[in-house]
């Protein structure tokens, strides 16, 4: 089965982007969220990147 990147329906705080990325890479979603916050604070484009990812990533389908 091919691995796909989806927004998570079960592990989400805002849109499920970080939860979906964590599921894809088989990591803890808290680490992804902390990395995203650090990226937003220090690089400055993390919020825009999150919005783009929320719009582009498809929602997880029920199986």
Protein backbone atom coordinates (compact mmCIF):
# COMPACT_ATOMS: atom_id res chain seq x y z
CA UNK A 1 0.00 0.00 0.00
CA UNK A 2 1.32 3.42 -0.96
CA UNK A 3 1.87 5.88 1.88
CA UNK A 4 -0.02 9.19 1.43
CA UNK A 5 0.08 12.49 3.28
CA UNK A 6 -3.30 13.54 4.70
CA UNK A 7 -4.58 15.93 7.34
CA UNK A 8 -5.34 13.89 10.42
CA UNK A 9 -8.93 13.59 11.64
CA UNK A 10 -8.02 12.16 15.03
CA UNK A 11 -4.83 14.01 15.99
CA UNK A 12 -5.59 17.65 15.34
CA UNK A 13 -5.54 20.94 17.20
CA UNK A 14 -6.40 23.37 14.39
CA UNK A 15 -6.65 21.69 10.98
CA UNK A 16 -4.78 18.40 11.44
CA UNK A 17 -1.71 19.37 9.40
CA UNK A 18 0.86 18.60 12.10
CA UNK A 19 -0.96 15.40 13.07
CA UNK A 20 -0.96 14.27 9.45
CA UNK A 21 2.73 15.00 9.02
CA UNK A 22 3.46 13.12 12.25
CA UNK A 23 1.47 10.10 11.06
CA UNK A 24 3.25 10.15 7.70
CA UNK A 25 6.73 10.17 9.27
CA UNK A 26 5.66 7.93 12.20
CA UNK A 27 6.65 10.52 14.79
CA UNK A 28 5.05 12.11 17.83
CA UNK A 29 2.81 15.01 16.78
CA UNK A 30 4.07 17.15 19.67
CA UNK A 31 7.56 17.19 18.14
CA UNK A 32 6.13 18.29 14.79
CA UNK A 33 4.07 21.03 16.47
CA UNK A 34 7.09 22.32 18.40
CA UNK A 35 9.21 22.33 15.25
CA UNK A 36 6.47 24.22 13.40
CA UNK A 37 6.26 26.84 16.19
CA UNK A 38 10.05 27.29 16.18
CA UNK A 39 9.96 27.62 12.39
CA UNK A 40 7.22 30.25 12.68
CA UNK A 41 9.03 32.25 15.36
CA UNK A 42 12.57 32.18 13.99
CA UNK A 43 12.03 32.04 10.22
CA UNK A 44 8.77 33.97 10.18
CA UNK A 45 6.97 32.12 7.41
CA UNK A 46 5.62 29.23 9.46
CA UNK A 47 2.11 30.66 9.73
CA UNK A 48 1.85 31.17 5.99
CA UNK A 49 3.27 27.69 5.38
CA UNK A 50 0.68 26.20 7.77
CA UNK A 51 -2.18 27.95 5.98
CA UNK A 52 -0.92 26.76 2.60
CA UNK A 53 -0.51 23.20 3.91
CA UNK A 54 -4.03 23.28 5.39
CA UNK A 55 -5.44 24.31 2.02
CA UNK A 56 -3.36 21.92 -0.11
CA UNK A 57 -3.31 18.72 1.97
CA UNK A 58 -6.36 16.50 1.43
CA UNK A 59 -8.43 15.35 4.41
CA UNK A 60 -7.98 11.78 5.61
CA UNK A 61 -10.59 9.49 4.12
CA UNK A 62 -12.44 6.87 6.13
CA UNK A 63 -11.39 3.31 5.37
